[in-house]
Amino acid sequence: MNASTESRLIDPPPPKDIRESLAADFERLELGDAFIRAGLRIRLGPDADIEPAYRQWNREFIERAAEEKACHFRKAECDRVADDR
């Protein structure tokens, strides 16, 4: 191992810190999910079945995220080609 490689290595956090971080991330995901479901409940009404609307929202969210990622990759490729000129 040379000096430049050694300087880039860091000690991983202790397992307790990793568990706490993952637990906090999971809590944020759960909270976000609860907000989405609450918004659908308000939009559709108290007696509506929100599960189909939630699945549709989730599908659309994933599709938008994939489109945005593809757009970023295309832009990066265009920028790379322009830099090569």
PDB file of N, CA and C in Angstrom:
ATOM      1  N   MET A   1       0.860  -1.178   0.000  1.00  0.00           N
ATOM      2  CA  MET A   1       0.000   0.000   0.000  1.00  0.00           C
ATOM      3  C   MET A   1       0.900   1.234   0.000  1.00  0.00           C
ATOM      4  N   ASN A   2       0.682   2.136  -0.951  1.00  0.00           N
ATOM      5  CA  ASN A   2       1.513   3.338  -0.984  1.00  0.00           C
ATOM      6  C   ASN A   2       0.877   4.452  -0.153  1.00  0.00           C
ATOM      7  N   ALA A   3       1.588   5.549  -0.011  1.00  0.00           N
ATOM      8  CA  ALA A   3       1.136   6.644   0.862  1.00  0.00           C
ATOM      9  C   ALA A   3      -0.171   7.270   0.380  1.00  0.00           C
ATOM     10  N   SER A   4      -0.344   7.400  -0.950  1.00  0.00           N
ATOM     11  CA  SER A   4      -1.582   8.031  -1.438  1.00  0.00           C
ATOM     12  C   SER A   4      -2.791   7.134  -1.203  1.00  0.00           C
ATOM     13  N   THR A   5      -2.617   5.828  -1.346  1.00  0.00           N
ATOM     14  CA  THR A   5      -3.720   4.898  -1.078  1.00  0.00           C
ATOM     15  C   THR A   5      -4.046   4.884   0.406  1.00  0.00           C
ATOM     16  N   GLU A   6      -3.018   4.857   1.221  1.00  0.00           N
ATOM     17  CA  GLU A   6      -3.223   4.806   2.668  1.00  0.00           C
ATOM     18  C   GLU A   6      -3.961   6.043   3.168  1.00  0.00           C
ATOM     19  N   SER A   7      -3.666   7.200   2.595  1.00  0.00           N
ATOM     20  CA  SER A   7      -4.310   8.429   3.066  1.00  0.00           C
ATOM     21  C   SER A   7      -5.788   8.479   2.697  1.00  0.00           C
ATOM     22  N   ARG A   8      -6.213   7.704   1.692  1.00  0.00           N
ATOM     23  CA  ARG A   8      -7.621   7.724   1.280  1.00  0.00           C
ATOM     24  C   ARG A   8      -8.476   6.749   2.075  1.00  0.00           C
ATOM     25  N   LEU A   9      -7.850   5.806   2.760  1.00  0.00           N
ATOM     26  CA  LEU A   9      -8.602   4.818   3.522  1.00  0.00           C
ATOM     27  C   LEU A   9      -9.085   5.434   4.826  1.00  0.00           C
ATOM     28  N   ILE A  10     -10.297   5.105   5.187  1.00  0.00           N
ATOM     29  CA  ILE A  10     -10.841   5.568   6.464  1.00  0.00           C
ATOM     30  C   ILE A  10     -11.342   4.361   7.242  1.00  0.00           C
ATOM     31  N   ASP A  11     -11.386   4.504   8.522  1.00  0.00           N
ATOM     32  CA  ASP A  11     -11.931   3.437   9.350  1.00  0.00           C
ATOM     33  C   ASP A  11     -13.450   3.456   9.230  1.00  0.00           C
ATOM     34  N   PRO A  12     -14.052   2.285   9.063  1.00  0.00           N
ATOM     35  CA  PRO A  12     -15.517   2.249   9.024  1.00  0.00           C
ATOM     36  C   PRO A  12     -16.087   2.617  10.384  1.00  0.00           C
ATOM     37  N   PRO A  13     -17.298   3.161  10.388  1.00  0.00           N
ATOM     38  CA  PRO A  13     -17.906   3.483  11.679  1.00  0.00           C
ATOM     39  C   PRO A  13     -18.195   2.209  12.469  1.00  0.00           C
ATOM     40  N   PRO A  14     -18.261   2.336  13.777  1.00  0.00           N
ATOM     41  CA  PRO A  14     -18.592   1.164  14.600  1.00  0.00           C
ATOM     42  C   PRO A  14     -19.982   0.627  14.251  1.00  0.00           C
ATOM     43  N   PRO A  15     -20.192  -0.677  14.437  1.00  0.00           N
ATOM     44  CA  PRO A  15     -21.493  -1.271  14.100  1.00  0.00           C
ATOM     45  C   PRO A  15     -22.684  -0.562  14.738  1.00  0.00           C
ATOM     46  N   LYS A  16     -22.512  -0.070  15.960  1.00  0.00           N
ATOM     47  CA  LYS A  16     -23.620   0.625  16.626  1.00  0.00           C
ATOM     48  C   LYS A  16     -24.027   1.857  15.814  1.00  0.00           C
ATOM     49  N   ASP A  17     -23.041   2.625  15.318  1.00  0.00           N
ATOM     50  CA  ASP A  17     -23.332   3.814  14.517  1.00  0.00           C
ATOM     51  C   ASP A  17     -24.034   3.444  13.217  1.00  0.00           C
ATOM     52  N   ILE A  18     -23.595   2.345  12.598  1.00  0.00           N
ATOM     53  CA  ILE A  18     -24.225   1.898  11.354  1.00  0.00           C
ATOM     54  C   ILE A  18     -25.682   1.522  11.610  1.00  0.00           C
ATOM     55  N   ARG A  19     -25.923   0.770  12.684  1.00  0.00           N
ATOM     56  CA  ARG A  19     -27.297   0.371  13.020  1.00  0.00           C
ATOM     57  C   ARG A  19     -28.166   1.597  13.284  1.00  0.00           C
ATOM     58  N   GLU A  20     -27.624   2.561  14.009  1.00  0.00           N
ATOM     59  CA  GLU A  20     -28.401   3.772  14.312  1.00  0.00           C
ATOM     60  C   GLU A  20     -28.690   4.561  13.035  1.00  0.00           C
ATOM     61  N   SER A  21     -27.719   4.633  12.150  1.00  0.00           N
ATOM     62  CA  SER A  21     -27.908   5.352  10.891  1.00  0.00           C
ATOM     63  C   SER A  21     -28.965   4.667  10.026  1.00  0.00           C
ATOM     64  N   LEU A  22     -28.884   3.353   9.925  1.00  0.00           N
ATOM     65  CA  LEU A  22     -29.882   2.609   9.149  1.00  0.00           C
ATOM     66  C   LEU A  22     -31.268   2.739   9.764  1.00  0.00           C
ATOM     67  N   ALA A  23     -31.337   2.703  11.083  1.00  0.00           N
ATOM     68  CA  ALA A  23     -32.635   2.857  11.755  1.00  0.00           C
ATOM     69  C   ALA A  23     -33.217   4.239  11.476  1.00  0.00           C
ATOM     70  N   ALA A  24     -32.373   5.279  11.493  1.00  0.00           N
ATOM     71  CA  ALA A  24     -32.853   6.633  11.205  1.00  0.00           C
ATOM     72  C   ALA A  24     -33.302   6.743   9.755  1.00  0.00           C
ATOM     73  N   ASP A  25     -32.561   6.130   8.831  1.00  0.00           N
ATOM     74  CA  ASP A  25     -32.965   6.144   7.419  1.00  0.00           C
ATOM     75  C   ASP A  25     -34.310   5.454   7.231  1.00  0.00           C
ATOM     76  N   PHE A  26     -34.480   4.299   7.878  1.00  0.00           N
ATOM     77  CA  PHE A  26     -35.733   3.567   7.772  1.00  0.00           C
ATOM     78  C   PHE A  26     -36.887   4.390   8.338  1.00  0.00           C
ATOM     79  N   GLU A  27     -36.631   5.069   9.452  1.00  0.00           N
ATOM     80  CA  GLU A  27     -37.667   5.912  10.057  1.00  0.00           C
ATOM     81  C   GLU A  27     -38.081   7.032   9.102  1.00  0.00           C
ATOM     82  N   ARG A  28     -37.108   7.646   8.418  1.00  0.00           N
ATOM     83  CA  ARG A  28     -37.429   8.703   7.447  1.00  0.00           C
ATOM     84  C   ARG A  28     -38.234   8.148   6.277  1.00  0.00           C
ATOM     85  N   LEU A  29     -37.874   6.956   5.806  1.00  0.00           N
ATOM     86  CA  LEU A  29     -38.644   6.335   4.724  1.00  0.00           C
ATOM     87  C   LEU A  29     -40.090   6.074   5.147  1.00  0.00           C
ATOM     88  N   GLU A  30     -40.252   5.551   6.343  1.00  0.00           N
ATOM     89  CA  GLU A  30     -41.587   5.272   6.862  1.00  0.00           C
ATOM     90  C   GLU A  30     -42.402   6.559   7.009  1.00  0.00           C
ATOM     91  N   LEU A  31     -41.760   7.614   7.477  1.00  0.00           N
ATOM     92  CA  LEU A  31     -42.442   8.894   7.641  1.00  0.00           C
ATOM     93  C   LEU A  31     -42.865   9.455   6.284  1.00  0.00           C
ATOM     94  N   GLY A  32     -41.974   9.378   5.298  1.00  0.00           N
ATOM     95  CA  GLY A  32     -42.314   9.828   3.947  1.00  0.00           C
ATOM     96  C   GLY A  32     -43.487   9.049   3.383  1.00  0.00           C
ATOM     97  N   ASP A  33     -43.469   7.745   3.587  1.00  0.00           N
ATOM     98  CA  ASP A  33     -44.567   6.897   3.134  1.00  0.00           C
ATOM     99  C   ASP A  33     -45.886   7.304   3.801  1.00  0.00           C
ATOM    100  N   ALA A  34     -45.835   7.603   5.093  1.00  0.00           N
ATOM    101  CA  ALA A  34     -47.045   8.021   5.812  1.00  0.00           C
ATOM    102  C   ALA A  34     -47.581   9.341   5.264  1.00  0.00           C
ATOM    103  N   PHE A  35     -46.677  10.271   4.911  1.00  0.00           N
ATOM    104  CA  PHE A  35     -47.122  11.542   4.331  1.00  0.00           C
ATOM    105  C   PHE A  35     -47.782  11.328   2.972  1.00  0.00           C
ATOM    106  N   ILE A  36     -47.198  10.474   2.152  1.00  0.00           N
ATOM    107  CA  ILE A  36     -47.788  10.192   0.827  1.00  0.00           C
ATOM    108  C   ILE A  36     -49.176   9.584   0.993  1.00  0.00           C
ATOM    109  N   ARG A  37     -49.290   8.618   1.868  1.00  0.00           N
ATOM    110  CA  ARG A  37     -50.592   7.981   2.094  1.00  0.00           C
ATOM    111  C   ARG A  37     -51.607   8.978   2.675  1.00  0.00           C
ATOM    112  N   ALA A  38     -51.154   9.865   3.540  1.00  0.00           N
ATOM    113  CA  ALA A  38     -52.062  10.876   4.102  1.00  0.00           C
ATOM    114  C   ALA A  38     -52.553  11.816   3.007  1.00  0.00           C
ATOM    115  N   GLY A  39     -51.654  12.204   2.109  1.00  0.00           N
ATOM    116  CA  GLY A  39     -52.064  13.058   0.992  1.00  0.00           C
ATOM    117  C   GLY A  39     -53.066  12.368   0.095  1.00  0.00           C
ATOM    118  N   LEU A  40     -52.846  11.098  -0.173  1.00  0.00           N
ATOM    119  CA  LEU A  40     -53.812  10.342  -0.982  1.00  0.00           C
ATOM    120  C   LEU A  40     -55.146  10.217  -0.246  1.00  0.00           C
ATOM    121  N   ARG A  41     -55.097  10.010   1.051  1.00  0.00           N
ATOM    122  CA  ARG A  41     -56.322   9.903   1.856  1.00  0.00           C
ATOM    123  C   ARG A  41     -57.116  11.206   1.766  1.00  0.00           C
ATOM    124  N   ILE A  42     -56.430  12.342   1.860  1.00  0.00           N
ATOM    125  CA  ILE A  42     -57.110  13.643   1.749  1.00  0.00           C
ATOM    126  C   ILE A  42     -57.700  13.807   0.357  1.00  0.00           C
ATOM    127  N   ARG A  43     -56.931  13.451  -0.666  1.00  0.00           N
ATOM    128  CA  ARG A  43     -57.386  13.622  -2.046  1.00  0.00           C
ATOM    129  C   ARG A  43     -58.552  12.701  -2.393  1.00  0.00           C
ATOM    130  N   LEU A  44     -58.508  11.449  -1.906  1.00  0.00           N
ATOM    131  CA  LEU A  44     -59.510  10.456  -2.312  1.00  0.00           C
ATOM    132  C   LEU A  44     -60.686  10.336  -1.347  1.00  0.00           C
ATOM    133  N   GLY A  45     -60.506  10.832  -0.138  1.00  0.00           N
ATOM    134  CA  GLY A  45     -61.593  10.746   0.834  1.00  0.00           C
ATOM    135  C   GLY A  45     -61.352   9.666   1.862  1.00  0.00           C
ATOM    136  N   PRO A  46     -62.036   9.775   2.986  1.00  0.00           N
ATOM    137  CA  PRO A  46     -61.777   8.885   4.121  1.00  0.00           C
ATOM    138  C   PRO A  46     -62.173   7.427   3.891  1.00  0.00           C
ATOM    139  N   ASP A  47     -63.118   7.175   2.980  1.00  0.00           N
ATOM    140  CA  ASP A  47     -63.587   5.804   2.787  1.00  0.00           C
ATOM    141  C   ASP A  47     -62.977   5.120   1.569  1.00  0.00           C
ATOM    142  N   ALA A  48     -62.131   5.821   0.832  1.00  0.00           N
ATOM    143  CA  ALA A  48     -61.571   5.265  -0.402  1.00  0.00           C
ATOM    144  C   ALA A  48     -60.442   4.281  -0.108  1.00  0.00           C
ATOM    145  N   ASP A  49     -60.271   3.343  -1.026  1.00  0.00           N
ATOM    146  CA  ASP A  49     -59.153   2.406  -0.955  1.00  0.00           C
ATOM    147  C   ASP A  49     -57.945   3.103  -1.581  1.00  0.00           C
ATOM    148  N   ILE A  50     -56.979   3.465  -0.760  1.00  0.00           N
ATOM    149  CA  ILE A  50     -55.846   4.231  -1.284  1.00  0.00           C
ATOM    150  C   ILE A  50     -54.747   3.349  -1.870  1.00  0.00           C
ATOM    151  N   GLU A  51     -54.799   2.041  -1.658  1.00  0.00           N
ATOM    152  CA  GLU A  51     -53.722   1.169  -2.129  1.00  0.00           C
ATOM    153  C   GLU A  51     -53.529   1.233  -3.654  1.00  0.00           C
ATOM    154  N   PRO A  52     -54.584   1.163  -4.471  1.00  0.00           N
ATOM    155  CA  PRO A  52     -54.358   1.286  -5.921  1.00  0.00           C
ATOM    156  C   PRO A  52     -53.737   2.634  -6.301  1.00  0.00           C
ATOM    157  N   ALA A  53     -54.196   3.714  -5.650  1.00  0.00           N
ATOM    158  CA  ALA A  53     -53.634   5.040  -5.927  1.00  0.00           C
ATOM    159  C   ALA A  53     -52.180   5.110  -5.483  1.00  0.00           C
ATOM    160  N   TYR A  54     -51.857   4.477  -4.370  1.00  0.00           N
ATOM    161  CA  TYR A  54     -50.477   4.460  -3.881  1.00  0.00           C
ATOM    162  C   TYR A  54     -49.586   3.695  -4.855  1.00  0.00           C
ATOM    163  N   ARG A  55     -50.046   2.548  -5.334  1.00  0.00           N
ATOM    164  CA  ARG A  55     -49.254   1.774  -6.304  1.00  0.00           C
ATOM    165  C   ARG A  55     -49.044   2.570  -7.589  1.00  0.00           C
ATOM    166  N   GLN A  56     -50.076   3.280  -8.050  1.00  0.00           N
ATOM    167  CA  GLN A  56     -49.940   4.106  -9.249  1.00  0.00           C
ATOM    168  C   GLN A  56     -48.930   5.227  -9.007  1.00  0.00           C
ATOM    169  N   TRP A  57     -49.044   5.899  -7.871  1.00  0.00           N
ATOM    170  CA  TRP A  57     -48.103   6.969  -7.541  1.00  0.00           C
ATOM    171  C   TRP A  57     -46.677   6.423  -7.533  1.00  0.00           C
ATOM    172  N   ASN A  58     -46.491   5.266  -6.911  1.00  0.00           N
ATOM    173  CA  ASN A  58     -45.167   4.667  -6.808  1.00  0.00           C
ATOM    174  C   ASN A  58     -44.616   4.318  -8.193  1.00  0.00           C
ATOM    175  N   ARG A  59     -45.448   3.735  -9.064  1.00  0.00           N
ATOM    176  CA  ARG A  59     -45.018   3.422 -10.434  1.00  0.00           C
ATOM    177  C   ARG A  59     -44.568   4.684 -11.159  1.00  0.00           C
ATOM    178  N   GLU A  60     -45.391   5.743 -11.068  1.00  0.00           N
ATOM    179  CA  GLU A  60     -45.065   6.998 -11.744  1.00  0.00           C
ATOM    180  C   GLU A  60     -43.787   7.617 -11.172  1.00  0.00           C
ATOM    181  N   PHE A  61     -43.614   7.530  -9.871  1.00  0.00           N
ATOM    182  CA  PHE A  61     -42.405   8.064  -9.229  1.00  0.00           C
ATOM    183  C   PHE A  61     -41.167   7.344  -9.749  1.00  0.00           C
ATOM    184  N   ILE A  62     -41.231   6.026  -9.809  1.00  0.00           N
ATOM    185  CA  ILE A  62     -40.092   5.232 -10.277  1.00  0.00           C
ATOM    186  C   ILE A  62     -39.802   5.531 -11.752  1.00  0.00           C
ATOM    187  N   GLU A  63     -40.857   5.666 -12.561  1.00  0.00           N
ATOM    188  CA  GLU A  63     -40.662   5.990 -13.977  1.00  0.00           C
ATOM    189  C   GLU A  63     -40.005   7.358 -14.138  1.00  0.00           C
ATOM    190  N   ARG A  64     -40.476   8.359 -13.368  1.00  0.00           N
ATOM    191  CA  ARG A  64     -39.867   9.704 -13.442  1.00  0.00           C
ATOM    192  C   ARG A  64     -38.407   9.656 -13.023  1.00  0.00           C
ATOM    193  N   ALA A  65     -38.115   8.911 -11.967  1.00  0.00           N
ATOM    194  CA  ALA A  65     -36.730   8.812 -11.496  1.00  0.00           C
ATOM    195  C   ALA A  65     -35.850   8.162 -12.561  1.00  0.00           C
ATOM    196  N   ALA A  66     -36.352   7.133 -13.221  1.00  0.00           N
ATOM    197  CA  ALA A  66     -35.584   6.471 -14.277  1.00  0.00           C
ATOM    198  C   ALA A  66     -35.359   7.412 -15.454  1.00  0.00           C
ATOM    199  N   GLU A  67     -36.382   8.184 -15.822  1.00  0.00           N
ATOM    200  CA  GLU A  67     -36.245   9.142 -16.922  1.00  0.00           C
ATOM    201  C   GLU A  67     -35.210  10.214 -16.575  1.00  0.00           C
ATOM    202  N   GLU A  68     -35.257  10.707 -15.347  1.00  0.00           N
ATOM    203  CA  GLU A  68     -34.291  11.730 -14.924  1.00  0.00           C
ATOM    204  C   GLU A  68     -32.871  11.175 -14.934  1.00  0.00           C
ATOM    205  N   LYS A  69     -32.707   9.946 -14.463  1.00  0.00           N
ATOM    206  CA  LYS A  69     -31.377   9.339 -14.455  1.00  0.00           C
ATOM    207  C   LYS A  69     -30.870   9.166 -15.890  1.00  0.00           C
ATOM    208  N   ALA A  70     -31.736   8.692 -16.790  1.00  0.00           N
ATOM    209  CA  ALA A  70     -31.339   8.527 -18.189  1.00  0.00           C
ATOM    210  C   ALA A  70     -30.956   9.866 -18.801  1.00  0.00           C
ATOM    211  N   CYS A  71     -31.691  10.915 -18.465  1.00  0.00           N
ATOM    212  CA  CYS A  71     -31.396  12.259 -18.965  1.00  0.00           C
ATOM    213  C   CYS A  71     -30.016  12.705 -18.482  1.00  0.00           C
ATOM    214  N   HIS A  72     -29.703  12.469 -17.216  1.00  0.00           N
ATOM    215  CA  HIS A  72     -28.399  12.841 -16.672  1.00  0.00           C
ATOM    216  C   HIS A  72     -27.280  12.067 -17.371  1.00  0.00           C
ATOM    217  N   PHE A  73     -27.520  10.756 -17.637  1.00  0.00           N
ATOM    218  CA  PHE A  73     -26.502   9.965 -18.329  1.00  0.00           C
ATOM    219  C   PHE A  73     -26.294  10.478 -19.749  1.00  0.00           C
ATOM    220  N   ARG A  74     -27.400  10.814 -20.446  1.00  0.00           N
ATOM    221  CA  ARG A  74     -27.269  11.351 -21.808  1.00  0.00           C
ATOM    222  C   ARG A  74     -26.497  12.661 -21.787  1.00  0.00           C
ATOM    223  N   LYS A  75     -26.811  13.528 -20.825  1.00  0.00           N
ATOM    224  CA  LYS A  75     -26.109  14.809 -20.733  1.00  0.00           C
ATOM    225  C   LYS A  75     -24.632  14.589 -20.452  1.00  0.00           C
ATOM    226  N   ALA A  76     -24.322  13.685 -19.551  1.00  0.00           N
ATOM    227  CA  ALA A  76     -22.921  13.397 -19.233  1.00  0.00           C
ATOM    228  C   ALA A  76     -22.201  12.870 -20.468  1.00  0.00           C
ATOM    229  N   GLU A  77     -22.855  12.019 -21.245  1.00  0.00           N
ATOM    230  CA  GLU A  77     -22.249  11.487 -22.470  1.00  0.00           C
ATOM    231  C   GLU A  77     -22.033  12.607 -23.480  1.00  0.00           C
ATOM    232  N   CYS A  78     -23.000  13.492 -23.635  1.00  0.00           N
ATOM    233  CA  CYS A  78     -22.847  14.628 -24.546  1.00  0.00           C
ATOM    234  C   CYS A  78     -21.712  15.537 -24.095  1.00  0.00           C
ATOM    235  N   ASP A  79     -21.619  15.774 -22.792  1.00  0.00           N
ATOM    236  CA  ASP A  79     -20.540  16.609 -22.261  1.00  0.00           C
ATOM    237  C   ASP A  79     -19.184  15.951 -22.509  1.00  0.00           C
ATOM    238  N   ARG A  80     -19.118  14.616 -22.346  1.00  0.00           N
ATOM    239  CA  ARG A  80     -17.864  13.900 -22.559  1.00  0.00           C
ATOM    240  C   ARG A  80     -17.441  13.988 -24.019  1.00  0.00           C
ATOM    241  N   VAL A  81     -18.394  13.817 -24.942  1.00  0.00           N
ATOM    242  CA  VAL A  81     -18.087  13.894 -26.369  1.00  0.00           C
ATOM    243  C   VAL A  81     -17.614  15.312 -26.717  1.00  0.00           C
ATOM    244  N   ALA A  82     -18.276  16.307 -26.152  1.00  0.00           N
ATOM    245  CA  ALA A  82     -17.873  17.693 -26.412  1.00  0.00           C
ATOM    246  C   ALA A  82     -16.474  17.965 -25.867  1.00  0.00           C
ATOM    247  N   ASP A  83     -16.142  17.391 -24.713  1.00  0.00           N
ATOM    248  CA  ASP A  83     -14.811  17.579 -24.132  1.00  0.00           C
ATOM    249  C   ASP A  83     -13.733  16.905 -24.964  1.00  0.00           C
ATOM    250  N   ASP A  84     -14.108  15.810 -25.651  1.00  0.00           N
ATOM    251  CA  ASP A  84     -13.140  15.069 -26.459  1.00  0.00           C
ATOM    252  C   ASP A  84     -12.805  15.776 -27.772  1.00  0.00           C
ATOM    253  N   ARG A  85     -13.606  16.735 -28.140  1.00  0.00           N
ATOM    254  CA  ARG A  85     -13.384  17.436 -29.421  1.00  0.00           C
ATOM    255  C   ARG A  85     -12.266  18.398 -29.349  1.00  0.00           C
TER     256      ARG A  85
END
